[in-house]
N, C-alpha and C. Protein backbone atom coordinates (compact mmCIF):
# COMPACT_ATOMS: atom_id res chain seq x y z
N UNK A 1 11.33 199.20 -50.70
CA UNK A 1 10.16 198.16 -50.78
C UNK A 1 10.46 197.27 -49.61
N UNK A 2 9.75 196.56 -49.68
CA UNK A 2 9.05 195.84 -48.39
C UNK A 2 9.89 194.68 -48.34
N UNK A 3 10.52 194.79 -47.06
CA UNK A 3 11.61 193.63 -47.02
C UNK A 3 11.54 191.94 -46.96
N UNK A 4 9.73 191.71 -46.79
CA UNK A 4 9.30 190.34 -47.30
C UNK A 4 9.33 190.01 -48.63
N UNK A 5 9.18 191.04 -49.51
CA UNK A 5 9.06 190.96 -50.73
C UNK A 5 10.92 190.73 -51.66
N UNK A 6 11.76 191.91 -50.79
CA UNK A 6 13.07 192.38 -51.16
C UNK A 6 13.71 190.32 -50.98
N UNK A 7 13.59 189.71 -49.68
CA UNK A 7 13.72 188.61 -49.18
C UNK A 7 13.30 187.72 -50.15
N UNK A 8 12.20 187.52 -50.32
CA UNK A 8 11.59 186.48 -51.89
C UNK A 8 12.53 186.45 -52.98
N UNK A 9 12.67 187.94 -53.42
CA UNK A 9 13.19 188.25 -54.64
C UNK A 9 14.48 187.47 -54.21
N UNK A 10 14.86 187.93 -53.29
CA UNK A 10 17.04 187.39 -53.05
C UNK A 10 16.63 186.07 -52.91
N UNK A 11 15.54 185.56 -52.48
CA UNK A 11 15.83 183.89 -52.90
C UNK A 11 15.81 183.01 -54.67
N UNK A 12 14.75 184.04 -54.97
CA UNK A 12 14.91 183.48 -56.46
C UNK A 12 16.52 184.28 -57.21
N UNK A 13 17.06 185.10 -56.43
CA UNK A 13 17.93 185.31 -57.15
C UNK A 13 19.27 184.43 -56.75
N UNK A 14 19.29 183.62 -55.49
CA UNK A 14 19.95 182.58 -55.17
C UNK A 14 19.41 181.30 -56.16
N UNK A 15 18.67 181.04 -56.25
CA UNK A 15 18.36 179.44 -57.22
C UNK A 15 18.08 179.89 -58.38
N UNK A 16 18.59 181.14 -58.89
CA UNK A 16 18.28 181.08 -60.78
C UNK A 16 19.71 181.66 -61.15
N UNK A 17 20.41 182.32 -60.28
CA UNK A 17 21.84 183.05 -61.09
C UNK A 17 23.03 181.36 -60.58
N UNK A 18 23.82 181.75 -61.90
CA UNK A 18 25.12 181.00 -61.52
C UNK A 18 25.56 181.27 -60.20
N UNK A 19 26.56 180.25 -59.48
CA UNK A 19 27.53 180.34 -58.38
C UNK A 19 27.77 181.54 -58.55
N UNK A 20 28.81 181.76 -59.32
CA UNK A 20 30.06 182.92 -59.41
C UNK A 20 29.03 184.37 -59.58
N UNK A 21 27.86 184.24 -59.75
CA UNK A 21 27.32 185.44 -59.82
C UNK A 21 26.69 185.80 -58.51
N UNK A 22 26.49 185.09 -57.41
CA UNK A 22 25.22 185.42 -56.87
C UNK A 22 25.35 186.89 -55.50
N UNK A 23 26.90 186.27 -55.20
CA UNK A 23 26.93 187.24 -54.58
C UNK A 23 26.80 188.83 -55.19
N UNK A 24 27.52 189.14 -56.68
CA UNK A 24 27.03 190.41 -57.33
C UNK A 24 25.66 191.00 -57.30
N UNK A 25 25.04 189.89 -58.01
CA UNK A 25 24.11 190.10 -57.71
C UNK A 25 22.99 190.89 -57.45
N UNK A 26 23.11 189.79 -55.89
CA UNK A 26 22.42 190.15 -54.65
C UNK A 26 22.70 191.62 -54.27
N UNK A 27 23.95 191.62 -54.03
CA UNK A 27 24.31 193.17 -54.01
C UNK A 27 23.57 194.44 -54.75
N UNK A 28 23.70 194.17 -56.13
CA UNK A 28 22.90 195.01 -57.14
C UNK A 28 21.50 195.37 -56.88
N UNK A 29 21.08 193.60 -56.38
CA UNK A 29 19.51 194.21 -56.16
C UNK A 29 19.25 195.15 -54.82
N UNK A 30 19.72 194.86 -53.99
CA UNK A 30 19.79 195.43 -52.71
C UNK A 30 20.15 196.69 -53.12
N UNK A 31 21.21 197.20 -53.93
CA UNK A 31 21.34 198.64 -53.86
C UNK A 31 20.06 199.06 -54.97
N UNK A 32 19.92 198.46 -55.37
CA UNK A 32 18.54 199.03 -56.45
C UNK A 32 17.91 199.20 -56.25
N UNK A 33 17.21 198.49 -54.96
CA UNK A 33 15.87 198.53 -54.46
C UNK A 33 15.66 199.21 -52.99
N UNK A 34 16.92 199.83 -52.33
CA UNK A 34 17.04 200.83 -50.85
C UNK A 34 17.68 201.58 -51.34
N UNK A 35 17.45 202.35 -51.42
CA UNK A 35 17.44 204.15 -52.08
C UNK A 35 18.91 203.97 -51.05
N UNK A 36 18.21 203.62 -49.66
CA UNK A 36 19.47 204.50 -48.56
C UNK A 36 20.84 203.76 -48.50
N UNK A 37 20.47 201.97 -49.16
CA UNK A 37 22.40 201.19 -49.46
C UNK A 37 22.88 202.30 -49.83
N UNK A 38 23.24 203.06 -50.15
CA UNK A 38 24.66 203.69 -51.10
C UNK A 38 25.55 203.08 -51.53
N UNK A 39 26.43 202.16 -50.52
CA UNK A 39 27.59 201.51 -51.04
C UNK A 39 27.42 200.17 -49.99
N UNK A 40 27.75 199.04 -51.19
CA UNK A 40 27.69 197.63 -50.34
C UNK A 40 28.79 197.10 -50.75
N UNK A 41 29.35 196.31 -49.90
CA UNK A 41 30.23 195.25 -49.93
C UNK A 41 30.34 194.13 -49.57
N UNK A 42 30.36 192.60 -49.89
CA UNK A 42 30.72 191.68 -49.56
C UNK A 42 32.40 191.57 -48.96
N UNK A 43 32.55 191.46 -47.96
CA UNK A 43 33.76 191.25 -47.19
C UNK A 43 34.25 189.64 -47.02
N UNK A 44 35.29 188.67 -47.15
CA UNK A 44 35.22 187.28 -46.71
C UNK A 44 36.89 187.58 -46.37
N UNK A 45 36.27 186.57 -44.95
CA UNK A 45 37.88 186.38 -43.77
C UNK A 45 38.18 185.58 -44.41
N UNK A 46 39.68 185.91 -44.55
CA UNK A 46 40.93 184.97 -45.08
C UNK A 46 42.12 185.22 -44.04
N UNK A 47 41.97 184.13 -43.64
CA UNK A 47 43.09 184.08 -42.03
C UNK A 47 42.79 184.75 -41.05
N UNK A 48 43.59 186.19 -40.97
CA UNK A 48 43.12 187.38 -39.81
C UNK A 48 43.07 188.42 -40.57
N UNK A 49 42.06 188.61 -42.05
CA UNK A 49 41.99 189.70 -42.43
C UNK A 49 40.32 189.63 -43.40
N UNK A 50 39.82 190.77 -43.78
CA UNK A 50 38.58 191.12 -44.22
C UNK A 50 39.15 191.00 -45.56
N UNK A 51 38.70 190.59 -46.81
CA UNK A 51 39.13 190.84 -48.20
C UNK A 51 38.45 191.61 -48.80
N UNK A 52 37.74 192.40 -49.67
CA UNK A 52 37.07 192.75 -50.01
C UNK A 52 37.20 191.54 -51.53
N UNK A 53 35.30 191.57 -51.54
CA UNK A 53 34.83 190.66 -52.86
C UNK A 53 34.22 191.44 -53.41
N UNK A 54 32.79 191.18 -53.97
CA UNK A 54 31.98 192.23 -54.91
C UNK A 54 31.65 193.10 -54.38
N UNK A 55 31.33 194.51 -54.79
CA UNK A 55 31.44 195.42 -54.15
C UNK A 55 30.14 196.13 -54.96
N UNK A 56 29.49 197.39 -54.88
CA UNK A 56 28.05 198.31 -55.36
C UNK A 56 28.63 199.32 -54.86
N UNK A 57 28.36 200.97 -55.77
CA UNK A 57 28.29 202.17 -55.02
C UNK A 57 28.81 202.70 -56.27
N UNK A 58 28.92 204.20 -56.00
CA UNK A 58 29.30 205.24 -56.90
C UNK A 58 31.28 205.03 -56.96
N UNK A 59 31.82 204.52 -55.97
CA UNK A 59 33.10 204.66 -55.90
C UNK A 59 33.62 203.41 -55.27
N UNK A 60 34.67 203.07 -55.76
CA UNK A 60 35.59 202.34 -54.99
C UNK A 60 35.87 202.91 -53.53
N UNK A 61 36.28 201.51 -52.79
CA UNK A 61 37.17 202.17 -51.28
C UNK A 61 38.58 201.80 -51.29
N UNK A 62 39.31 202.06 -50.28
CA UNK A 62 40.56 201.94 -50.45
C UNK A 62 40.65 200.95 -49.04
N UNK A 63 39.75 200.56 -48.80
CA UNK A 63 39.83 199.56 -47.83
C UNK A 63 39.43 198.02 -48.06
N UNK A 64 40.36 197.68 -48.92
CA UNK A 64 40.12 196.36 -49.51
C UNK A 64 40.33 194.71 -48.79
N UNK A 65 41.36 195.04 -47.62
CA UNK A 65 42.05 194.48 -46.56
C UNK A 65 41.86 194.75 -45.65
N UNK A 66 41.27 194.45 -44.55
CA UNK A 66 41.19 194.71 -43.15
C UNK A 66 41.73 193.89 -41.97
N UNK A 67 42.05 194.33 -41.35
CA UNK A 67 42.58 193.48 -40.50
C UNK A 67 41.48 193.12 -39.15
N UNK A 68 40.80 191.55 -38.97
CA UNK A 68 40.16 191.34 -37.90
C UNK A 68 40.42 192.26 -36.50
N UNK A 69 39.30 192.75 -36.29
CA UNK A 69 39.28 193.64 -35.39
C UNK A 69 39.55 195.13 -35.08
N UNK A 70 40.07 195.56 -36.47
CA UNK A 70 39.95 196.76 -36.69
C UNK A 70 39.13 197.36 -37.52
N UNK A 71 38.55 198.72 -36.80
CA UNK A 71 37.32 199.03 -37.74
C UNK A 71 36.10 199.01 -37.24
N UNK A 72 34.84 198.60 -38.04
CA UNK A 72 33.75 198.53 -37.45
C UNK A 72 33.28 197.29 -38.50
N UNK A 73 33.76 197.26 -39.58
CA UNK A 73 34.03 195.81 -39.84
C UNK A 73 34.69 194.75 -39.22
N UNK A 74 35.78 195.23 -38.83
CA UNK A 74 36.70 194.20 -38.46
C UNK A 74 35.92 194.02 -37.09
N UNK A 75 35.38 194.90 -36.05
CA UNK A 75 35.00 194.42 -35.28
C UNK A 75 33.96 193.45 -35.14
N UNK A 76 33.26 193.57 -36.01
CA UNK A 76 31.95 192.74 -36.54
C UNK A 76 32.53 191.53 -36.47
N UNK A 77 33.52 191.73 -37.20
CA UNK A 77 34.40 190.12 -37.48
C UNK A 77 34.32 189.60 -36.40
N UNK A 78 34.99 189.74 -35.65
CA UNK A 78 36.00 189.89 -34.00
C UNK A 78 34.61 189.27 -33.39
N UNK A 79 33.56 189.94 -33.15
CA UNK A 79 32.76 189.37 -32.03
C UNK A 79 31.55 188.92 -32.62
N UNK A 80 31.64 188.71 -34.06
CA UNK A 80 30.13 188.10 -34.45
C UNK A 80 29.28 188.81 -34.33
N UNK A 81 29.18 189.90 -33.81
CA UNK A 81 28.02 190.90 -33.79
C UNK A 81 27.36 191.62 -34.88
N UNK A 82 26.28 192.02 -35.06
CA UNK A 82 25.84 192.95 -36.02
C UNK A 82 26.00 194.54 -35.68
N UNK A 83 26.59 195.38 -35.80
CA UNK A 83 27.17 196.65 -36.15
C UNK A 83 26.20 197.27 -36.75
N UNK A 84 26.00 198.31 -36.13
CA UNK A 84 24.91 199.55 -36.43
C UNK A 84 25.88 200.75 -35.68
N UNK A 85 26.09 202.10 -36.87
CA UNK A 85 26.62 202.74 -36.76
C UNK A 85 25.63 203.92 -36.92
N UNK A 86 25.29 204.94 -35.92
CA UNK A 86 24.53 205.84 -36.83
C UNK A 86 25.19 206.73 -36.77
N UNK A 87 25.93 207.37 -36.63
CA UNK A 87 27.24 208.27 -37.07
C UNK A 87 28.42 208.28 -36.89
N UNK A 88 28.86 207.89 -37.94
CA UNK A 88 29.73 207.20 -38.13
C UNK A 88 31.37 208.30 -37.85
N UNK A 89 30.87 209.94 -37.98
CA UNK A 89 32.28 210.25 -37.45
C UNK A 89 31.87 210.61 -35.71
N UNK A 90 31.05 210.35 -35.33
CA UNK A 90 31.21 209.86 -33.99
C UNK A 90 31.67 209.09 -33.08
N UNK A 91 31.83 207.34 -34.24
CA UNK A 91 32.78 206.24 -33.98
C UNK A 91 33.97 206.17 -34.30
N UNK A 92 35.10 206.48 -32.78
CA UNK A 92 36.33 206.38 -33.35
C UNK A 92 36.82 204.72 -34.30
N UNK A 93 35.95 203.96 -33.93
CA UNK A 93 36.35 202.67 -35.11
C UNK A 93 36.09 202.65 -36.39
N UNK A 94 35.65 203.74 -36.99
CA UNK A 94 35.45 204.16 -38.25
C UNK A 94 36.44 204.56 -39.26
N UNK A 95 36.50 203.69 -40.50
CA UNK A 95 37.51 203.54 -41.22
C UNK A 95 36.91 204.87 -42.08
N UNK A 96 37.27 205.96 -42.26
CA UNK A 96 36.81 206.68 -43.69
C UNK A 96 37.45 205.88 -45.08
N UNK A 97 35.90 205.97 -46.00
CA UNK A 97 36.05 205.66 -47.26
C UNK A 97 35.52 206.57 -48.31
N UNK A 98 34.50 206.94 -47.78
CA UNK A 98 33.89 208.13 -48.19
C UNK A 98 32.87 209.49 -47.27
N UNK A 99 33.83 210.74 -48.35
CA UNK A 99 32.72 212.21 -46.77
C UNK A 99 31.46 211.92 -47.35
N UNK A 100 31.04 211.25 -47.45
CA UNK A 100 29.18 211.39 -47.89
C UNK A 100 28.59 210.15 -46.95
N UNK A 101 29.60 209.31 -46.02
CA UNK A 101 28.65 208.63 -45.51
C UNK A 101 28.57 209.11 -44.08
N UNK A 102 27.26 208.68 -43.44
CA UNK A 102 26.93 209.25 -42.60
C UNK A 102 26.59 208.21 -41.54
N UNK A 103 26.16 207.03 -41.71
CA UNK A 103 25.94 205.41 -41.05
C UNK A 103 26.31 204.33 -42.12
N UNK A 104 26.78 203.33 -41.10
CA UNK A 104 27.09 201.82 -41.63
C UNK A 104 26.31 201.21 -40.64
N UNK A 105 26.22 199.49 -41.02
CA UNK A 105 25.36 198.62 -40.79
C UNK A 105 27.18 197.65 -41.67
N UNK A 106 26.82 196.66 -40.32
CA UNK A 106 27.85 195.68 -40.81
C UNK A 106 27.45 194.16 -40.30
N UNK A 107 27.17 193.43 -40.97
CA UNK A 107 26.06 191.76 -40.35
C UNK A 107 27.35 190.41 -40.92
N UNK A 108 27.43 190.36 -39.84
CA UNK A 108 28.64 189.13 -40.08
C UNK A 108 27.83 187.74 -41.11
N UNK A 109 28.41 187.19 -41.32
CA UNK A 109 27.65 185.76 -42.43
C UNK A 109 28.79 184.93 -41.65
N UNK A 110 27.65 183.76 -40.97
CA UNK A 110 28.65 182.64 -40.31
C UNK A 110 28.26 181.58 -41.11
N UNK A 111 28.92 180.50 -41.13
CA UNK A 111 29.02 179.08 -41.43
C UNK A 111 29.28 177.78 -40.18
N UNK A 112 28.77 177.43 -40.12
CA UNK A 112 29.63 176.21 -39.01
C UNK A 112 29.97 177.38 -37.86
N UNK A 113 29.51 178.19 -37.29
CA UNK A 113 29.18 178.80 -36.22
C UNK A 113 30.84 179.84 -36.07
N UNK A 114 31.24 179.98 -37.38
CA UNK A 114 32.28 180.54 -37.54
C UNK A 114 32.04 182.09 -38.60
N UNK A 115 32.54 182.82 -38.25
CA UNK A 115 32.24 184.15 -39.09
C UNK A 115 33.01 183.85 -40.51
N UNK A 116 32.32 183.77 -41.34
CA UNK A 116 33.16 183.96 -42.77
C UNK A 116 33.54 184.87 -43.54
N UNK A 117 32.04 185.68 -43.03
CA UNK A 117 32.11 186.45 -44.35
C UNK A 117 31.73 187.91 -43.94
N UNK A 118 31.02 189.15 -44.53
CA UNK A 118 30.28 190.21 -43.66
C UNK A 118 29.82 190.57 -45.30
N UNK A 119 28.43 191.78 -44.85
CA UNK A 119 27.82 192.77 -45.57
C UNK A 119 27.74 193.78 -44.49
N UNK A 120 28.89 194.77 -45.64
CA UNK A 120 28.79 195.97 -45.29
C UNK A 120 28.30 197.31 -45.90
N UNK A 121 27.42 198.22 -45.44
CA UNK A 121 26.82 198.87 -45.92
C UNK A 121 26.52 200.04 -45.39
N UNK A 122 27.08 201.39 -46.31
CA UNK A 122 27.24 202.82 -46.17
C UNK A 122 26.14 203.54 -46.92
N UNK A 123 25.74 204.25 -45.69
CA UNK A 123 24.41 205.18 -45.66
C UNK A 123 24.71 206.62 -45.44
N UNK A 124 24.40 207.54 -47.04
CA UNK A 124 24.94 208.90 -46.96
C UNK A 124 23.73 209.65 -45.71
N UNK A 125 23.25 209.10 -45.23
CA UNK A 125 22.27 209.73 -44.54
C UNK A 125 22.48 209.23 -42.52
N UNK A 126 22.45 210.04 -42.06
CA UNK A 126 22.36 209.92 -40.41
C UNK A 126 21.13 208.61 -40.12
N UNK A 127 21.70 207.59 -39.36
CA UNK A 127 21.01 206.42 -38.33
C UNK A 127 19.86 206.38 -39.47
N UNK A 128 20.50 205.95 -40.86
CA UNK A 128 19.34 205.26 -41.68
C UNK A 128 19.06 203.72 -41.82
N UNK A 129 19.75 202.73 -40.30
CA UNK A 129 19.86 201.32 -39.90
C UNK A 129 18.46 201.09 -38.79
N UNK A 130 17.67 200.71 -39.28
CA UNK A 130 16.47 200.37 -38.20
C UNK A 130 16.70 198.86 -37.95
N UNK A 131 16.13 198.48 -36.77
CA UNK A 131 16.08 197.40 -36.66
C UNK A 131 15.55 195.96 -37.89
N UNK A 132 14.54 196.68 -38.29
CA UNK A 132 14.09 195.79 -39.53
C UNK A 132 14.94 195.62 -40.53
N UNK A 133 16.12 197.24 -41.17
CA UNK A 133 17.53 196.45 -41.59
C UNK A 133 17.88 195.31 -41.06
N UNK A 134 18.35 195.40 -39.88
CA UNK A 134 19.29 194.32 -39.48
C UNK A 134 18.44 193.26 -39.65
N UNK A 135 16.88 192.87 -39.35
CA UNK A 135 16.22 191.38 -38.77
C UNK A 135 16.68 191.03 -40.51
N UNK A 136 16.53 191.81 -41.63
CA UNK A 136 16.60 191.58 -42.80
C UNK A 136 17.98 191.05 -42.91
N UNK A 137 18.71 192.22 -42.85
CA UNK A 137 20.22 191.53 -43.63
C UNK A 137 20.73 190.58 -43.03
N UNK A 138 20.42 190.30 -41.54
CA UNK A 138 20.99 189.11 -40.74
C UNK A 138 20.31 187.86 -41.64
N UNK A 139 19.32 187.63 -41.81
CA UNK A 139 18.82 186.87 -43.23
C UNK A 139 19.08 186.50 -44.43
N UNK A 140 19.57 187.85 -45.14
CA UNK A 140 20.66 187.32 -45.94
C UNK A 140 21.80 187.02 -46.09
N UNK A 141 22.13 187.73 -45.21
CA UNK A 141 23.45 186.86 -44.99
C UNK A 141 23.54 185.46 -44.61
N UNK A 142 22.67 184.89 -43.94
CA UNK A 142 22.26 183.00 -43.51
C UNK A 142 21.99 183.06 -44.89
N UNK A 143 21.40 183.34 -45.77
CA UNK A 143 21.24 182.78 -47.41
C UNK A 143 22.54 183.03 -48.27
N UNK A 144 23.39 183.73 -47.64
CA UNK A 144 24.67 183.99 -48.38
C UNK A 144 25.79 182.93 -47.70
N UNK A 145 25.91 182.50 -46.71
CA UNK A 145 26.41 181.47 -46.36
C UNK A 145 27.27 180.43 -47.27
N UNK A 146 26.53 179.57 -47.74
CA UNK A 146 26.83 178.86 -48.63
C UNK A 146 27.34 179.25 -50.01
N UNK A 147 27.18 180.60 -50.27
CA UNK A 147 27.75 181.50 -51.34
C UNK A 147 29.11 181.83 -51.48
N UNK A 148 29.38 182.05 -50.06
CA UNK A 148 31.15 182.51 -49.71
C UNK A 148 32.07 181.38 -50.23
């Protein structure tokens, strides 16, 4: 799907969905429309940890609570920068969730200049995530900041 069209559809979801369902419907849309987005989760910052919120994918992850600073997700929360890992097996920070995962992108969600959550996406293909994915997902993260 075209990123611009996807962005417009997500804006519709944000305006037409009950507040309690916004995050789940957004990740469901991403999962259904971007084939390479095999697993998607929203982590929410609570104290010094990331707590898994809504997620979608073939299996649950055992990583439902991640200390900030640990793993790729924890690194993104600590630095506030999007992390793209082209080959998870070559990154010693990666916390293995699924044997099929080959690459990952983690996009922080900011509110008032503070990381309050993040979007975590795994792909079963190496080097799945491009600069366009990064820019697109950073826009989506900005849209979701009012719904965390």
